[in-house]
């Protein structure tokens, strides 16, 4: 077990990012496969999953991305926080622009589980929106593994793996959010599943790009790490948290969020190099 962990620790970051994002793609495919078994998912279960994933992603955004970005900036900028926050602002702005470009369509909310029938164009735009939405998640995983390979003191392999797991958890309802509305429009189960899982491939591409960029250039690393953090925080605040509270006033999403945040923080602090 230890030897396997050491092998991963010293592995190529691009390969590790590829493996991590392949896992998230499989989770997307798992969610999309729901069209073969059910017409819906219990709202309480979905809310708990979204809240838990949101807590993991918020904690990871600080411990695995923003803090390493600040650490990496100490040697290249008088204001160590500036590159990280510049990247952070850019990441949130890009996701905001993407969301606003789809504002006239109800499918701009990619995590929304829709029970009523939609027009074919809305389903098509949902597919596009989800694909665009998954790219920064893949980049976040890639830069987390890339930061480990680059030897950033605040980065750790267990934290990068935990981040991939957290994103994978919230990819399950995302896969459902694409495949089930398509099925509701009369598309075959097999085709609905195919398009649902296809959106997860964007994360693989984003992961490879993120890992390669961070590993090859330490100069732009703080900006890329900050960008990934900003994109993830935007997704959590704009999509996961509102969606977890939709149609339900239960405290389950909040409790799940706190649990997810605590678990990710414990993993990062325990396995990261914090003094």
Protein backbone atom coordinates (compact mmCIF):
# COMPACT_ATOMS: atom_id res chain seq x y z
CA UNK A 1 0.00 0.00 0.00
CA UNK A 2 2.80 2.42 0.98
CA UNK A 3 4.85 1.49 -2.09
CA UNK A 4 1.85 2.16 -4.33
CA UNK A 5 1.35 5.53 -2.66
CA UNK A 6 5.02 6.43 -3.12
CA UNK A 7 4.82 5.41 -6.78
CA UNK A 8 1.86 7.76 -7.26
CA UNK A 9 3.65 10.54 -5.35
CA UNK A 10 6.56 10.39 -7.79
CA UNK A 11 4.42 9.80 -10.87
CA UNK A 12 3.92 12.00 -13.89
CA UNK A 13 1.34 14.69 -12.96
CA UNK A 14 -0.34 14.52 -16.36
CA UNK A 15 -0.87 10.78 -15.98
CA UNK A 16 -2.15 11.21 -12.42
CA UNK A 17 -4.52 13.96 -13.56
CA UNK A 18 -5.69 11.68 -16.37
CA UNK A 19 -6.43 8.91 -13.87
CA UNK A 20 -8.20 11.31 -11.51
CA UNK A 21 -10.40 12.80 -14.21
CA UNK A 22 -11.14 9.34 -15.61
CA UNK A 23 -12.63 8.63 -12.19
CA UNK A 24 -14.81 11.74 -12.38
CA UNK A 25 -15.87 10.73 -15.89
CA UNK A 26 -16.90 7.32 -14.55
CA UNK A 27 -18.98 9.06 -11.87
CA UNK A 28 -20.65 11.14 -14.58
CA UNK A 29 -21.36 7.94 -16.50
CA UNK A 30 -22.76 6.38 -13.31
CA UNK A 31 -25.20 9.26 -12.95
CA UNK A 32 -26.14 9.10 -16.62
CA UNK A 33 -26.83 5.35 -16.28
CA UNK A 34 -29.82 6.19 -14.06
CA UNK A 35 -31.94 6.32 -17.23
CA UNK A 36 -31.71 2.52 -17.35
CA UNK A 37 -33.08 2.04 -13.83
CA UNK A 38 -35.29 4.92 -12.73
CA UNK A 39 -37.16 8.02 -13.79
CA UNK A 40 -36.12 10.10 -10.79
CA UNK A 41 -33.88 10.30 -7.71
CA UNK A 42 -34.97 11.04 -4.15
CA UNK A 43 -34.59 14.76 -3.61
CA UNK A 44 -33.19 14.32 -0.11
CA UNK A 45 -30.42 12.05 -1.37
CA UNK A 46 -29.53 14.47 -4.16
CA UNK A 47 -29.44 17.42 -1.74
CA UNK A 48 -27.12 15.57 0.63
CA UNK A 49 -24.75 14.66 -2.23
CA UNK A 50 -24.65 18.22 -3.53
CA UNK A 51 -24.09 19.70 -0.07
CA UNK A 52 -21.30 17.23 0.73
CA UNK A 53 -19.57 17.84 -2.61
CA UNK A 54 -19.88 21.61 -2.10
CA UNK A 55 -18.15 21.42 1.29
CA UNK A 56 -15.30 19.38 -0.17
CA UNK A 57 -14.87 21.77 -3.09
CA UNK A 58 -14.84 24.92 -0.94
CA UNK A 59 -12.24 23.47 1.44
CA UNK A 60 -10.18 22.21 -1.50
CA UNK A 61 -10.34 25.62 -3.15
CA UNK A 62 -8.50 27.12 -0.19
CA UNK A 63 -6.22 24.36 1.08
CA UNK A 64 -5.35 22.70 -2.25
CA UNK A 65 -5.44 25.69 -4.60
CA UNK A 66 -5.43 29.20 -3.08
CA UNK A 67 -2.96 28.54 -0.27
CA UNK A 68 -0.46 26.79 -2.58
CA UNK A 69 -0.91 29.67 -5.04
CA UNK A 70 0.02 32.20 -2.35
CA UNK A 71 3.01 30.08 -1.30
CA UNK A 72 4.18 29.86 -4.91
CA UNK A 73 3.89 33.64 -5.30
CA UNK A 74 6.29 34.56 -2.53
CA UNK A 75 9.32 34.38 -4.83
CA UNK A 76 7.79 36.08 -7.87
CA UNK A 77 5.70 38.92 -6.45
CA UNK A 78 5.99 41.50 -3.68
CA UNK A 79 2.29 41.00 -3.03
CA UNK A 80 2.06 37.23 -2.60
CA UNK A 81 -1.72 37.32 -2.67
CA UNK A 82 -1.99 39.26 -5.94
CA UNK A 83 -1.35 36.46 -8.50
CA UNK A 84 -3.65 34.08 -6.63
CA UNK A 85 -6.51 36.57 -6.43
CA UNK A 86 -5.97 37.69 -10.02
CA UNK A 87 -6.40 34.10 -11.15
CA UNK A 88 -9.33 33.68 -8.76
CA UNK A 89 -11.14 36.70 -10.20
CA UNK A 90 -10.46 35.50 -13.75
CA UNK A 91 -11.88 32.06 -12.99
CA UNK A 92 -15.08 33.45 -11.48
CA UNK A 93 -15.47 35.98 -14.29
CA UNK A 94 -15.13 33.31 -16.99
CA UNK A 95 -17.78 31.12 -15.38
CA UNK A 96 -20.05 34.14 -14.93
CA UNK A 97 -19.73 35.03 -18.61
CA UNK A 98 -20.56 31.47 -19.61
CA UNK A 99 -23.61 31.51 -17.35
CA UNK A 100 -24.83 34.87 -18.63
CA UNK A 101 -24.50 33.72 -22.23
CA UNK A 102 -27.10 31.05 -21.44
CA UNK A 103 -29.30 33.22 -19.23
CA UNK A 104 -32.34 33.09 -21.53
CA UNK A 105 -32.48 29.33 -21.30
CA UNK A 106 -33.54 27.45 -18.24
CA UNK A 107 -30.71 25.03 -18.94
CA UNK A 108 -28.18 27.59 -17.67
CA UNK A 109 -28.65 25.81 -14.32
CA UNK A 110 -26.78 22.61 -15.24
CA UNK A 111 -27.41 20.80 -11.97
CA UNK A 112 -31.18 21.29 -11.97
CA UNK A 113 -33.10 18.01 -11.99
CA UNK A 114 -36.04 18.69 -14.28
CA UNK A 115 -39.24 16.67 -14.10
CA UNK A 116 -41.26 18.38 -16.82
CA UNK A 117 -40.67 18.00 -20.55
CA UNK A 118 -38.42 20.53 -22.30
CA UNK A 119 -37.99 21.60 -25.87
CA UNK A 120 -35.24 19.91 -27.86
CA UNK A 121 -33.23 23.12 -28.06
CA UNK A 122 -33.19 23.44 -24.28
CA UNK A 123 -31.91 19.88 -23.95
CA UNK A 124 -29.20 20.61 -26.51
CA UNK A 125 -28.15 23.75 -24.63
CA UNK A 126 -28.14 21.79 -21.38
CA UNK A 127 -25.63 19.42 -22.96
CA UNK A 128 -23.43 22.33 -24.07
CA UNK A 129 -23.68 24.11 -20.72
CA UNK A 130 -22.72 20.97 -18.78
CA UNK A 131 -19.72 20.35 -21.02
CA UNK A 132 -18.45 23.91 -20.52
CA UNK A 133 -19.18 23.62 -16.80
CA UNK A 134 -16.99 20.50 -16.48
CA UNK A 135 -13.85 22.00 -18.00
CA UNK A 136 -12.81 24.09 -14.95
CA UNK A 137 -13.50 21.13 -12.67
CA UNK A 138 -11.03 19.09 -14.71
CA UNK A 139 -8.53 21.96 -14.60
CA UNK A 140 -8.88 22.07 -10.80
CA UNK A 141 -7.99 18.39 -10.53
CA UNK A 142 -5.11 18.79 -12.98
CA UNK A 143 -3.54 21.75 -11.18
CA UNK A 144 -3.87 19.96 -7.83
CA UNK A 145 -1.81 17.03 -9.13
CA UNK A 146 0.51 19.40 -10.99
CA UNK A 147 1.20 21.37 -7.80
CA UNK A 148 2.14 18.15 -6.00
CA UNK A 149 4.58 17.20 -8.76
CA UNK A 150 6.03 20.72 -8.73
CA UNK A 151 6.80 20.31 -5.04
CA UNK A 152 4.67 23.10 -3.58
CA UNK A 153 4.88 22.87 0.24
CA UNK A 154 1.13 23.31 0.71
CA UNK A 155 0.17 20.57 -1.76
CA UNK A 156 -0.23 16.87 -1.08
CA UNK A 157 -1.22 13.81 -3.07
CA UNK A 158 -3.99 12.69 -0.65
CA UNK A 159 -5.56 16.15 -0.92
CA UNK A 160 -5.46 16.00 -4.72
CA UNK A 161 -7.07 12.55 -4.63
CA UNK A 162 -9.72 13.77 -2.18
CA UNK A 163 -10.49 16.67 -4.49
CA UNK A 164 -11.02 14.27 -7.40
CA UNK A 165 -13.34 12.17 -5.21
CA UNK A 166 -15.32 15.25 -4.14
CA UNK A 167 -15.79 16.44 -7.71
CA UNK A 168 -16.66 12.88 -8.73
CA UNK A 169 -19.46 12.78 -6.16
CA UNK A 170 -21.14 15.88 -7.56
CA UNK A 171 -20.65 14.57 -11.11
CA UNK A 172 -23.21 11.82 -10.42
CA UNK A 173 -26.22 14.18 -10.40
CA UNK A 174 -24.65 16.13 -13.26
CA UNK A 175 -24.72 13.02 -15.42
CA UNK A 176 -28.35 12.51 -14.47
CA UNK A 177 -29.12 16.17 -15.21
CA UNK A 178 -28.21 15.60 -18.85
CA UNK A 179 -29.43 12.07 -19.53
CA UNK A 180 -32.81 12.20 -17.79
CA UNK A 181 -34.20 15.33 -19.51
CA UNK A 182 -33.11 13.83 -22.84
CA UNK A 183 -34.97 10.66 -21.97
CA UNK A 184 -37.99 12.78 -21.09
CA UNK A 185 -37.88 14.22 -24.60
CA UNK A 186 -38.22 10.74 -26.06
CA UNK A 187 -34.55 10.05 -26.78
CA UNK A 188 -33.66 6.37 -26.35
CA UNK A 189 -32.15 5.21 -23.06
CA UNK A 190 -28.87 4.26 -24.73
CA UNK A 191 -28.52 7.59 -26.53
CA UNK A 192 -29.48 9.54 -23.41
CA UNK A 193 -26.81 7.68 -21.45
CA UNK A 194 -24.24 8.26 -24.19
CA UNK A 195 -24.69 12.02 -24.24
CA UNK A 196 -24.84 12.19 -20.45
CA UNK A 197 -21.48 10.49 -19.97
CA UNK A 198 -19.96 12.38 -22.89
CA UNK A 199 -19.97 15.64 -20.90
CA UNK A 200 -17.51 14.07 -18.43
CA UNK A 201 -14.82 13.82 -21.09
CA UNK A 202 -14.39 17.60 -20.87
CA UNK A 203 -12.98 17.07 -17.37
CA UNK A 204 -10.30 14.71 -18.71
CA UNK A 205 -9.19 17.31 -21.24
CA UNK A 206 -9.22 20.05 -18.60
CA UNK A 207 -7.25 17.87 -16.17
CA UNK A 208 -4.48 17.14 -18.66
CA UNK A 209 -4.26 20.81 -19.63
CA UNK A 210 -4.16 21.98 -16.01
CA UNK A 211 -1.50 19.48 -14.90
CA UNK A 212 0.75 20.13 -17.88
CA UNK A 213 0.49 23.92 -17.55
CA UNK A 214 1.28 24.00 -13.83
CA UNK A 215 4.09 21.47 -14.05
CA UNK A 216 5.84 23.12 -17.00
CA UNK A 217 5.77 26.72 -15.77
CA UNK A 218 6.14 27.69 -12.12
CA UNK A 219 5.84 31.35 -13.11
CA UNK A 220 2.17 31.09 -14.08
CA UNK A 221 1.36 28.44 -11.48
CA UNK A 222 -0.19 30.86 -8.93
CA UNK A 223 -2.50 32.27 -11.59
CA UNK A 224 -3.64 28.82 -12.75
CA UNK A 225 -4.18 27.60 -9.18
CA UNK A 226 -6.17 30.75 -8.39
CA UNK A 227 -8.16 30.39 -11.62
CA UNK A 228 -9.18 26.83 -10.72
CA UNK A 229 -10.17 27.92 -7.21
CA UNK A 230 -12.29 30.80 -8.53
CA UNK A 231 -14.04 28.56 -11.04
CA UNK A 232 -14.83 25.98 -8.35
CA UNK A 233 -16.12 28.53 -5.85
CA UNK A 234 -18.36 30.00 -8.53
CA UNK A 235 -19.79 26.55 -9.30
CA UNK A 236 -20.46 25.89 -5.61
CA UNK A 237 -22.10 29.26 -4.89
CA UNK A 238 -23.97 29.60 -8.18
CA UNK A 239 -25.03 25.98 -8.72
CA UNK A 240 -24.45 23.48 -5.93
CA UNK A 241 -25.72 25.45 -2.92
CA UNK A 242 -28.86 26.90 -4.57
CA UNK A 243 -29.62 23.53 -6.15
CA UNK A 244 -29.24 21.67 -2.85
CA UNK A 245 -31.89 23.96 -1.32
CA UNK A 246 -34.28 23.85 -4.26
CA UNK A 247 -37.81 22.63 -3.40
CA UNK A 248 -36.64 21.71 0.11
CA UNK A 249 -36.07 23.63 3.34
CA UNK A 250 -34.28 20.75 5.08
CA UNK A 251 -30.99 21.29 6.94
CA UNK A 252 -29.53 18.16 5.32
CA UNK A 253 -27.58 20.06 2.60
CA UNK A 254 -26.08 22.41 5.21
CA UNK A 255 -25.05 19.57 7.49
CA UNK A 256 -23.63 17.63 4.54
CA UNK A 257 -21.72 20.73 3.42
CA UNK A 258 -20.14 21.12 6.86
CA UNK A 259 -19.21 17.43 6.99
CA UNK A 260 -17.64 17.62 3.53
CA UNK A 261 -15.70 20.76 4.46
CA UNK A 262 -14.42 19.18 7.69
CA UNK A 263 -13.34 15.96 5.98
CA UNK A 264 -11.47 17.81 3.22
CA UNK A 265 -9.82 20.15 5.73
CA UNK A 266 -8.73 17.21 7.89
CA UNK A 267 -7.23 15.45 4.88
CA UNK A 268 -5.40 18.54 3.67
CA UNK A 269 -4.01 19.54 7.05
CA UNK A 270 -3.08 15.96 7.96
CA UNK A 271 -1.28 15.14 4.72
CA UNK A 272 -0.17 18.61 3.60
CA UNK A 273 3.00 20.29 4.82
CA UNK A 274 1.45 22.82 7.18
CA UNK A 275 3.45 24.03 10.15
